[in-house]
């Protein structure tokens, strides 16, 4: 089983999301922007399911410093990668 690792702006691991190998291949074939928005969507859905809190994709991205998806590391510069 592969994972998506979430890091805060200080470089600390704050969470892991297990994904299957097929999803891993899909995510790693995306552009950086696509990948980050997809991961932000996964986090927002998980938070909503766990706590009922609604977060936007930008709110999620603004709290993350980097993500590591199946070994592919992407640093989030200034939150929203589309800016």
PDB file of N, CA and C in Angstrom:
ATOM      1  N   UNK A   1       0.851  -1.182   0.000  1.00  0.00           N
ATOM      2  CA  UNK A   1       0.000   0.000   0.000  1.00  0.00           C
ATOM      3  C   UNK A   1       0.890   1.236   0.000  1.00  0.00           C
ATOM      4  N   UNK A   2       0.578   2.172  -0.866  1.00  0.00           N
ATOM      5  CA  UNK A   2       1.315   3.426  -0.994  1.00  0.00           C
ATOM      6  C   UNK A   2       0.688   4.479  -0.073  1.00  0.00           C
ATOM      7  N   UNK A   3       1.383   5.599   0.074  1.00  0.00           N
ATOM      8  CA  UNK A   3       0.860   6.646   0.952  1.00  0.00           C
ATOM      9  C   UNK A   3       1.045   8.036   0.357  1.00  0.00           C
ATOM     10  N   UNK A   4       0.207   8.931   0.838  1.00  0.00           N
ATOM     11  CA  UNK A   4       0.357  10.367   0.636  1.00  0.00           C
ATOM     12  C   UNK A   4       0.743  10.913   2.000  1.00  0.00           C
ATOM     13  N   UNK A   5       1.902  11.547   2.080  1.00  0.00           N
ATOM     14  CA  UNK A   5       2.364  12.123   3.338  1.00  0.00           C
ATOM     15  C   UNK A   5       2.177  13.632   3.292  1.00  0.00           C
ATOM     16  N   UNK A   6       1.692  14.174   4.388  1.00  0.00           N
ATOM     17  CA  UNK A   6       1.404  15.602   4.495  1.00  0.00           C
ATOM     18  C   UNK A   6       2.341  16.229   5.512  1.00  0.00           C
ATOM     19  N   UNK A   7       2.974  17.336   5.133  1.00  0.00           N
ATOM     20  CA  UNK A   7       3.933  18.018   6.004  1.00  0.00           C
ATOM     21  C   UNK A   7       3.500  19.465   6.211  1.00  0.00           C
ATOM     22  N   UNK A   8       3.726  19.968   7.421  1.00  0.00           N
ATOM     23  CA  UNK A   8       3.425  21.371   7.684  1.00  0.00           C
ATOM     24  C   UNK A   8       4.561  22.249   7.147  1.00  0.00           C
ATOM     25  N   UNK A   9       4.431  23.541   7.310  1.00  0.00           N
ATOM     26  CA  UNK A   9       5.420  24.481   6.772  1.00  0.00           C
ATOM     27  C   UNK A   9       6.770  24.360   7.458  1.00  0.00           C
ATOM     28  N   UNK A  10       6.807  23.771   8.646  1.00  0.00           N
ATOM     29  CA  UNK A  10       8.055  23.547   9.353  1.00  0.00           C
ATOM     30  C   UNK A  10       8.739  22.252   8.965  1.00  0.00           C
ATOM     31  N   UNK A  11       8.136  21.492   8.054  1.00  0.00           N
ATOM     32  CA  UNK A  11       8.718  20.235   7.610  1.00  0.00           C
ATOM     33  C   UNK A  11       8.339  19.038   8.456  1.00  0.00           C
ATOM     34  N   UNK A  12       7.395  19.205   9.387  1.00  0.00           N
ATOM     35  CA  UNK A  12       6.972  18.115  10.264  1.00  0.00           C
ATOM     36  C   UNK A  12       5.869  17.290   9.612  1.00  0.00           C
ATOM     37  N   UNK A  13       5.987  15.983   9.673  1.00  0.00           N
ATOM     38  CA  UNK A  13       4.954  15.087   9.162  1.00  0.00           C
ATOM     39  C   UNK A  13       3.711  15.250  10.019  1.00  0.00           C
ATOM     40  N   UNK A  14       2.579  15.574   9.389  1.00  0.00           N
ATOM     41  CA  UNK A  14       1.343  15.776  10.146  1.00  0.00           C
ATOM     42  C   UNK A  14       0.268  14.752   9.807  1.00  0.00           C
ATOM     43  N   UNK A  15       0.478  13.960   8.763  1.00  0.00           N
ATOM     44  CA  UNK A  15      -0.515  12.947   8.443  1.00  0.00           C
ATOM     45  C   UNK A  15      -0.122  12.097   7.252  1.00  0.00           C
ATOM     46  N   UNK A  16      -0.760  10.940   7.186  1.00  0.00           N
ATOM     47  CA  UNK A  16      -0.569  10.006   6.066  1.00  0.00           C
ATOM     48  C   UNK A  16      -1.932   9.527   5.604  1.00  0.00           C
ATOM     49  N   UNK A  17      -2.081   9.408   4.301  1.00  0.00           N
ATOM     50  CA  UNK A  17      -3.299   8.857   3.720  1.00  0.00           C
ATOM     51  C   UNK A  17      -2.890   7.639   2.897  1.00  0.00           C
ATOM     52  N   UNK A  18      -3.374   6.456   3.251  1.00  0.00           N
ATOM     53  CA  UNK A  18      -3.041   5.275   2.452  1.00  0.00           C
ATOM     54  C   UNK A  18      -3.827   5.297   1.131  1.00  0.00           C
ATOM     55  N   UNK A  19      -3.150   4.925   0.055  1.00  0.00           N
ATOM     56  CA  UNK A  19      -3.796   4.820  -1.253  1.00  0.00           C
ATOM     57  C   UNK A  19      -3.329   3.536  -1.925  1.00  0.00           C
ATOM     58  N   UNK A  20      -4.125   3.047  -2.873  1.00  0.00           N
ATOM     59  CA  UNK A  20      -3.710   1.831  -3.573  1.00  0.00           C
ATOM     60  C   UNK A  20      -2.734   2.185  -4.697  1.00  0.00           C
ATOM     61  N   UNK A  21      -2.096   1.183  -5.255  1.00  0.00           N
ATOM     62  CA  UNK A  21      -1.060   1.407  -6.264  1.00  0.00           C
ATOM     63  C   UNK A  21      -1.610   2.046  -7.533  1.00  0.00           C
ATOM     64  N   UNK A  22      -2.844   1.723  -7.897  1.00  0.00           N
ATOM     65  CA  UNK A  22      -3.449   2.325  -9.086  1.00  0.00           C
ATOM     66  C   UNK A  22      -3.614   3.831  -8.903  1.00  0.00           C
ATOM     67  N   UNK A  23      -4.104   4.232  -7.731  1.00  0.00           N
ATOM     68  CA  UNK A  23      -4.274   5.660  -7.422  1.00  0.00           C
ATOM     69  C   UNK A  23      -2.911   6.347  -7.362  1.00  0.00           C
ATOM     70  N   UNK A  24      -1.917   5.644  -6.864  1.00  0.00           N
ATOM     71  CA  UNK A  24      -0.554   6.165  -6.801  1.00  0.00           C
ATOM     72  C   UNK A  24      -0.063   6.511  -8.207  1.00  0.00           C
ATOM     73  N   UNK A  25      -0.265   5.620  -9.151  1.00  0.00           N
ATOM     74  CA  UNK A  25       0.152   5.866 -10.530  1.00  0.00           C
ATOM     75  C   UNK A  25      -0.587   7.051 -11.129  1.00  0.00           C
ATOM     76  N   UNK A  26      -1.888   7.153 -10.856  1.00  0.00           N
ATOM     77  CA  UNK A  26      -2.675   8.292 -11.356  1.00  0.00           C
ATOM     78  C   UNK A  26      -2.109   9.605 -10.829  1.00  0.00           C
ATOM     79  N   UNK A  27      -1.883   9.661  -9.530  1.00  0.00           N
ATOM     80  CA  UNK A  27      -1.419  10.898  -8.906  1.00  0.00           C
ATOM     81  C   UNK A  27      -0.023  11.293  -9.380  1.00  0.00           C
ATOM     82  N   UNK A  28       0.880  10.352  -9.467  1.00  0.00           N
ATOM     83  CA  UNK A  28       2.257  10.694  -9.835  1.00  0.00           C
ATOM     84  C   UNK A  28       2.385  11.068 -11.308  1.00  0.00           C
ATOM     85  N   UNK A  29       1.388  10.758 -12.120  1.00  0.00           N
ATOM     86  CA  UNK A  29       1.440  11.148 -13.530  1.00  0.00           C
ATOM     87  C   UNK A  29       0.873  12.554 -13.767  1.00  0.00           C
ATOM     88  N   UNK A  30       0.326  13.183 -12.736  1.00  0.00           N
ATOM     89  CA  UNK A  30      -0.269  14.516 -12.857  1.00  0.00           C
ATOM     90  C   UNK A  30       0.789  15.607 -12.794  1.00  0.00           C
ATOM     91  N   UNK A  31       0.415  16.801 -13.285  1.00  0.00           N
ATOM     92  CA  UNK A  31       1.279  17.958 -13.112  1.00  0.00           C
ATOM     93  C   UNK A  31       1.287  18.318 -11.625  1.00  0.00           C
ATOM     94  N   UNK A  32       2.207  19.177 -11.227  1.00  0.00           N
ATOM     95  CA  UNK A  32       2.296  19.591  -9.821  1.00  0.00           C
ATOM     96  C   UNK A  32       0.980  20.200  -9.356  1.00  0.00           C
ATOM     97  N   UNK A  33       0.428  21.127 -10.137  1.00  0.00           N
ATOM     98  CA  UNK A  33      -0.813  21.793  -9.742  1.00  0.00           C
ATOM     99  C   UNK A  33      -1.956  20.792  -9.591  1.00  0.00           C
ATOM    100  N   UNK A  34      -2.096  19.901 -10.565  1.00  0.00           N
ATOM    101  CA  UNK A  34      -3.158  18.886 -10.501  1.00  0.00           C
ATOM    102  C   UNK A  34      -2.990  18.013  -9.264  1.00  0.00           C
ATOM    103  N   UNK A  35      -1.764  17.590  -9.023  1.00  0.00           N
ATOM    104  CA  UNK A  35      -1.466  16.727  -7.887  1.00  0.00           C
ATOM    105  C   UNK A  35      -1.820  17.404  -6.568  1.00  0.00           C
ATOM    106  N   UNK A  36      -1.401  18.664  -6.404  1.00  0.00           N
ATOM    107  CA  UNK A  36      -1.662  19.367  -5.152  1.00  0.00           C
ATOM    108  C   UNK A  36      -3.151  19.594  -4.923  1.00  0.00           C
ATOM    109  N   UNK A  37      -3.885  19.934  -5.963  1.00  0.00           N
ATOM    110  CA  UNK A  37      -5.322  20.124  -5.803  1.00  0.00           C
ATOM    111  C   UNK A  37      -6.026  18.797  -5.514  1.00  0.00           C
ATOM    112  N   UNK A  38      -5.554  17.723  -6.109  1.00  0.00           N
ATOM    113  CA  UNK A  38      -6.130  16.402  -5.845  1.00  0.00           C
ATOM    114  C   UNK A  38      -5.891  15.994  -4.392  1.00  0.00           C
ATOM    115  N   UNK A  39      -4.671  16.200  -3.903  1.00  0.00           N
ATOM    116  CA  UNK A  39      -4.345  15.889  -2.507  1.00  0.00           C
ATOM    117  C   UNK A  39      -5.157  16.775  -1.568  1.00  0.00           C
ATOM    118  N   UNK A  40      -5.268  18.061  -1.880  1.00  0.00           N
ATOM    119  CA  UNK A  40      -6.060  18.970  -1.046  1.00  0.00           C
ATOM    120  C   UNK A  40      -7.513  18.505  -0.976  1.00  0.00           C
ATOM    121  N   UNK A  41      -8.033  18.021  -2.088  1.00  0.00           N
ATOM    122  CA  UNK A  41      -9.397  17.480  -2.103  1.00  0.00           C
ATOM    123  C   UNK A  41      -9.536  16.263  -1.218  1.00  0.00           C
ATOM    124  N   UNK A  42      -8.536  15.390  -1.238  1.00  0.00           N
ATOM    125  CA  UNK A  42      -8.554  14.199  -0.385  1.00  0.00           C
ATOM    126  C   UNK A  42      -8.554  14.609   1.090  1.00  0.00           C
ATOM    127  N   UNK A  43      -7.740  15.590   1.437  1.00  0.00           N
ATOM    128  CA  UNK A  43      -7.660  16.061   2.819  1.00  0.00           C
ATOM    129  C   UNK A  43      -8.980  16.704   3.231  1.00  0.00           C
ATOM    130  N   UNK A  44      -9.530  17.545   2.368  1.00  0.00           N
ATOM    131  CA  UNK A  44     -10.795  18.221   2.690  1.00  0.00           C
ATOM    132  C   UNK A  44     -11.917  17.208   2.917  1.00  0.00           C
ATOM    133  N   UNK A  45     -11.976  16.173   2.091  1.00  0.00           N
ATOM    134  CA  UNK A  45     -12.999  15.129   2.267  1.00  0.00           C
ATOM    135  C   UNK A  45     -12.800  14.371   3.579  1.00  0.00           C
ATOM    136  N   UNK A  46     -11.553  14.065   3.903  1.00  0.00           N
ATOM    137  CA  UNK A  46     -11.265  13.339   5.140  1.00  0.00           C
ATOM    138  C   UNK A  46     -11.639  14.173   6.364  1.00  0.00           C
ATOM    139  N   UNK A  47     -11.317  15.458   6.326  1.00  0.00           N
ATOM    140  CA  UNK A  47     -11.643  16.343   7.451  1.00  0.00           C
ATOM    141  C   UNK A  47     -13.160  16.463   7.595  1.00  0.00           C
ATOM    142  N   UNK A  48     -13.852  16.599   6.485  1.00  0.00           N
ATOM    143  CA  UNK A  48     -15.312  16.711   6.538  1.00  0.00           C
ATOM    144  C   UNK A  48     -15.935  15.442   7.101  1.00  0.00           C
ATOM    145  N   UNK A  49     -15.441  14.275   6.681  1.00  0.00           N
ATOM    146  CA  UNK A  49     -15.973  13.003   7.176  1.00  0.00           C
ATOM    147  C   UNK A  49     -15.678  12.811   8.659  1.00  0.00           C
ATOM    148  N   UNK A  50     -14.506  13.252   9.089  1.00  0.00           N
ATOM    149  CA  UNK A  50     -14.072  13.052  10.473  1.00  0.00           C
ATOM    150  C   UNK A  50     -14.716  14.040  11.441  1.00  0.00           C
ATOM    151  N   UNK A  51     -14.785  15.323  11.025  1.00  0.00           N
ATOM    152  CA  UNK A  51     -15.214  16.343  11.973  1.00  0.00           C
ATOM    153  C   UNK A  51     -16.418  17.169  11.522  1.00  0.00           C
ATOM    154  N   UNK A  52     -16.802  17.014  10.269  1.00  0.00           N
ATOM    155  CA  UNK A  52     -17.902  17.816   9.741  1.00  0.00           C
ATOM    156  C   UNK A  52     -17.474  19.205   9.302  1.00  0.00           C
ATOM    157  N   UNK A  53     -16.203  19.529   9.463  1.00  0.00           N
ATOM    158  CA  UNK A  53     -15.670  20.839   9.098  1.00  0.00           C
ATOM    159  C   UNK A  53     -15.463  20.917   7.591  1.00  0.00           C
ATOM    160  N   UNK A  54     -15.991  21.969   6.982  1.00  0.00           N
ATOM    161  CA  UNK A  54     -15.841  22.189   5.542  1.00  0.00           C
ATOM    162  C   UNK A  54     -14.625  23.079   5.285  1.00  0.00           C
ATOM    163  N   UNK A  55     -13.654  22.574   4.555  1.00  0.00           N
ATOM    164  CA  UNK A  55     -12.475  23.351   4.188  1.00  0.00           C
ATOM    165  C   UNK A  55     -12.406  23.487   2.673  1.00  0.00           C
ATOM    166  N   UNK A  56     -11.959  24.647   2.202  1.00  0.00           N
ATOM    167  CA  UNK A  56     -11.729  24.808   0.772  1.00  0.00           C
ATOM    168  C   UNK A  56     -10.357  24.223   0.438  1.00  0.00           C
ATOM    169  N   UNK A  57     -10.136  23.983  -0.842  1.00  0.00           N
ATOM    170  CA  UNK A  57      -8.837  23.470  -1.261  1.00  0.00           C
ATOM    171  C   UNK A  57      -7.727  24.458  -0.913  1.00  0.00           C
ATOM    172  N   UNK A  58      -7.991  25.741  -1.085  1.00  0.00           N
ATOM    173  CA  UNK A  58      -6.982  26.749  -0.742  1.00  0.00           C
ATOM    174  C   UNK A  58      -6.679  26.775   0.746  1.00  0.00           C
ATOM    175  N   UNK A  59      -7.679  26.570   1.589  1.00  0.00           N
ATOM    176  CA  UNK A  59      -7.433  26.525   3.036  1.00  0.00           C
ATOM    177  C   UNK A  59      -6.508  25.369   3.374  1.00  0.00           C
ATOM    178  N   UNK A  60      -6.727  24.221   2.764  1.00  0.00           N
ATOM    179  CA  UNK A  60      -5.869  23.057   3.003  1.00  0.00           C
ATOM    180  C   UNK A  60      -4.452  23.368   2.533  1.00  0.00           C
ATOM    181  N   UNK A  61      -4.321  23.856   1.309  1.00  0.00           N
ATOM    182  CA  UNK A  61      -2.995  24.120   0.751  1.00  0.00           C
ATOM    183  C   UNK A  61      -2.233  25.181   1.530  1.00  0.00           C
ATOM    184  N   UNK A  62      -2.942  26.150   2.075  1.00  0.00           N
ATOM    185  CA  UNK A  62      -2.276  27.200   2.854  1.00  0.00           C
ATOM    186  C   UNK A  62      -1.673  26.675   4.147  1.00  0.00           C
ATOM    187  N   UNK A  63      -2.110  25.528   4.618  1.00  0.00           N
ATOM    188  CA  UNK A  63      -1.589  24.949   5.859  1.00  0.00           C
ATOM    189  C   UNK A  63      -0.462  23.948   5.620  1.00  0.00           C
ATOM    190  N   UNK A  64      -0.280  23.530   4.386  1.00  0.00           N
ATOM    191  CA  UNK A  64       0.728  22.514   4.077  1.00  0.00           C
ATOM    192  C   UNK A  64       2.004  23.142   3.540  1.00  0.00           C
ATOM    193  N   UNK A  65       3.137  22.523   3.873  1.00  0.00           N
ATOM    194  CA  UNK A  65       4.426  22.963   3.349  1.00  0.00           C
ATOM    195  C   UNK A  65       4.877  22.113   2.184  1.00  0.00           C
ATOM    196  N   UNK A  66       4.541  20.821   2.249  1.00  0.00           N
ATOM    197  CA  UNK A  66       4.859  19.918   1.143  1.00  0.00           C
ATOM    198  C   UNK A  66       4.032  18.656   1.278  1.00  0.00           C
ATOM    199  N   UNK A  67       3.953  17.933   0.179  1.00  0.00           N
ATOM    200  CA  UNK A  67       3.341  16.608   0.172  1.00  0.00           C
ATOM    201  C   UNK A  67       4.312  15.648  -0.493  1.00  0.00           C
ATOM    202  N   UNK A  68       4.264  14.409  -0.065  1.00  0.00           N
ATOM    203  CA  UNK A  68       5.050  13.357  -0.702  1.00  0.00           C
ATOM    204  C   UNK A  68       4.064  12.277  -1.105  1.00  0.00           C
ATOM    205  N   UNK A  69       3.929  12.095  -2.414  1.00  0.00           N
ATOM    206  CA  UNK A  69       2.972  11.132  -2.959  1.00  0.00           C
ATOM    207  C   UNK A  69       3.751  10.010  -3.610  1.00  0.00           C
ATOM    208  N   UNK A  70       3.712   8.850  -2.987  1.00  0.00           N
ATOM    209  CA  UNK A  70       4.401   7.672  -3.523  1.00  0.00           C
ATOM    210  C   UNK A  70       5.862   7.974  -3.841  1.00  0.00           C
ATOM    211  N   UNK A  71       6.505   8.727  -2.967  1.00  0.00           N
ATOM    212  CA  UNK A  71       7.907   9.072  -3.135  1.00  0.00           C
ATOM    213  C   UNK A  71       8.153  10.368  -3.897  1.00  0.00           C
ATOM    214  N   UNK A  72       7.141  10.889  -4.580  1.00  0.00           N
ATOM    215  CA  UNK A  72       7.285  12.153  -5.317  1.00  0.00           C
ATOM    216  C   UNK A  72       7.013  13.320  -4.368  1.00  0.00           C
ATOM    217  N   UNK A  73       8.017  14.143  -4.148  1.00  0.00           N
ATOM    218  CA  UNK A  73       7.904  15.273  -3.233  1.00  0.00           C
ATOM    219  C   UNK A  73       7.564  16.544  -3.984  1.00  0.00           C
ATOM    220  N   UNK A  74       6.566  17.251  -3.491  1.00  0.00           N
ATOM    221  CA  UNK A  74       6.182  18.539  -4.057  1.00  0.00           C
ATOM    222  C   UNK A  74       6.084  19.562  -2.945  1.00  0.00           C
ATOM    223  N   UNK A  75       6.867  20.624  -3.043  1.00  0.00           N
ATOM    224  CA  UNK A  75       6.845  21.706  -2.072  1.00  0.00           C
ATOM    225  C   UNK A  75       5.755  22.675  -2.482  1.00  0.00           C
ATOM    226  N   UNK A  76       5.008  23.157  -1.494  1.00  0.00           N
ATOM    227  CA  UNK A  76       3.926  24.096  -1.739  1.00  0.00           C
ATOM    228  C   UNK A  76       4.442  25.484  -1.412  1.00  0.00           C
ATOM    229  N   UNK A  77       4.598  26.297  -2.431  1.00  0.00           N
ATOM    230  CA  UNK A  77       5.124  27.650  -2.273  1.00  0.00           C
ATOM    231  C   UNK A  77       3.990  28.635  -2.108  1.00  0.00           C
ATOM    232  N   UNK A  78       3.850  29.174  -0.910  1.00  0.00           N
ATOM    233  CA  UNK A  78       2.853  30.205  -0.669  1.00  0.00           C
ATOM    234  C   UNK A  78       1.423  29.727  -0.690  1.00  0.00           C
ATOM    235  N   UNK A  79       1.195  28.459  -0.491  1.00  0.00           N
ATOM    236  CA  UNK A  79      -0.171  27.940  -0.442  1.00  0.00           C
ATOM    237  C   UNK A  79      -0.677  27.519  -1.800  1.00  0.00           C
ATOM    238  N   UNK A  80      -1.395  28.385  -2.470  1.00  0.00           N
ATOM    239  CA  UNK A  80      -2.063  28.041  -3.726  1.00  0.00           C
ATOM    240  C   UNK A  80      -1.057  27.928  -4.868  1.00  0.00           C
ATOM    241  N   UNK A  81      -0.894  26.731  -5.466  1.00  0.00           N
ATOM    242  CA  UNK A  81       0.067  26.571  -6.547  1.00  0.00           C
ATOM    243  C   UNK A  81      -0.368  27.240  -7.842  1.00  0.00           C
ATOM    244  N   UNK A  82      -1.633  27.636  -7.939  1.00  0.00           N
ATOM    245  CA  UNK A  82      -2.126  28.260  -9.168  1.00  0.00           C
ATOM    246  C   UNK A  82      -1.799  29.738  -9.219  1.00  0.00           C
ATOM    247  N   UNK A  83      -1.322  30.292  -8.103  1.00  0.00           N
ATOM    248  CA  UNK A  83      -1.028  31.734  -8.052  1.00  0.00           C
ATOM    249  C   UNK A  83       0.364  31.980  -8.570  1.00  0.00           C
TER     250      UNK A  83
END
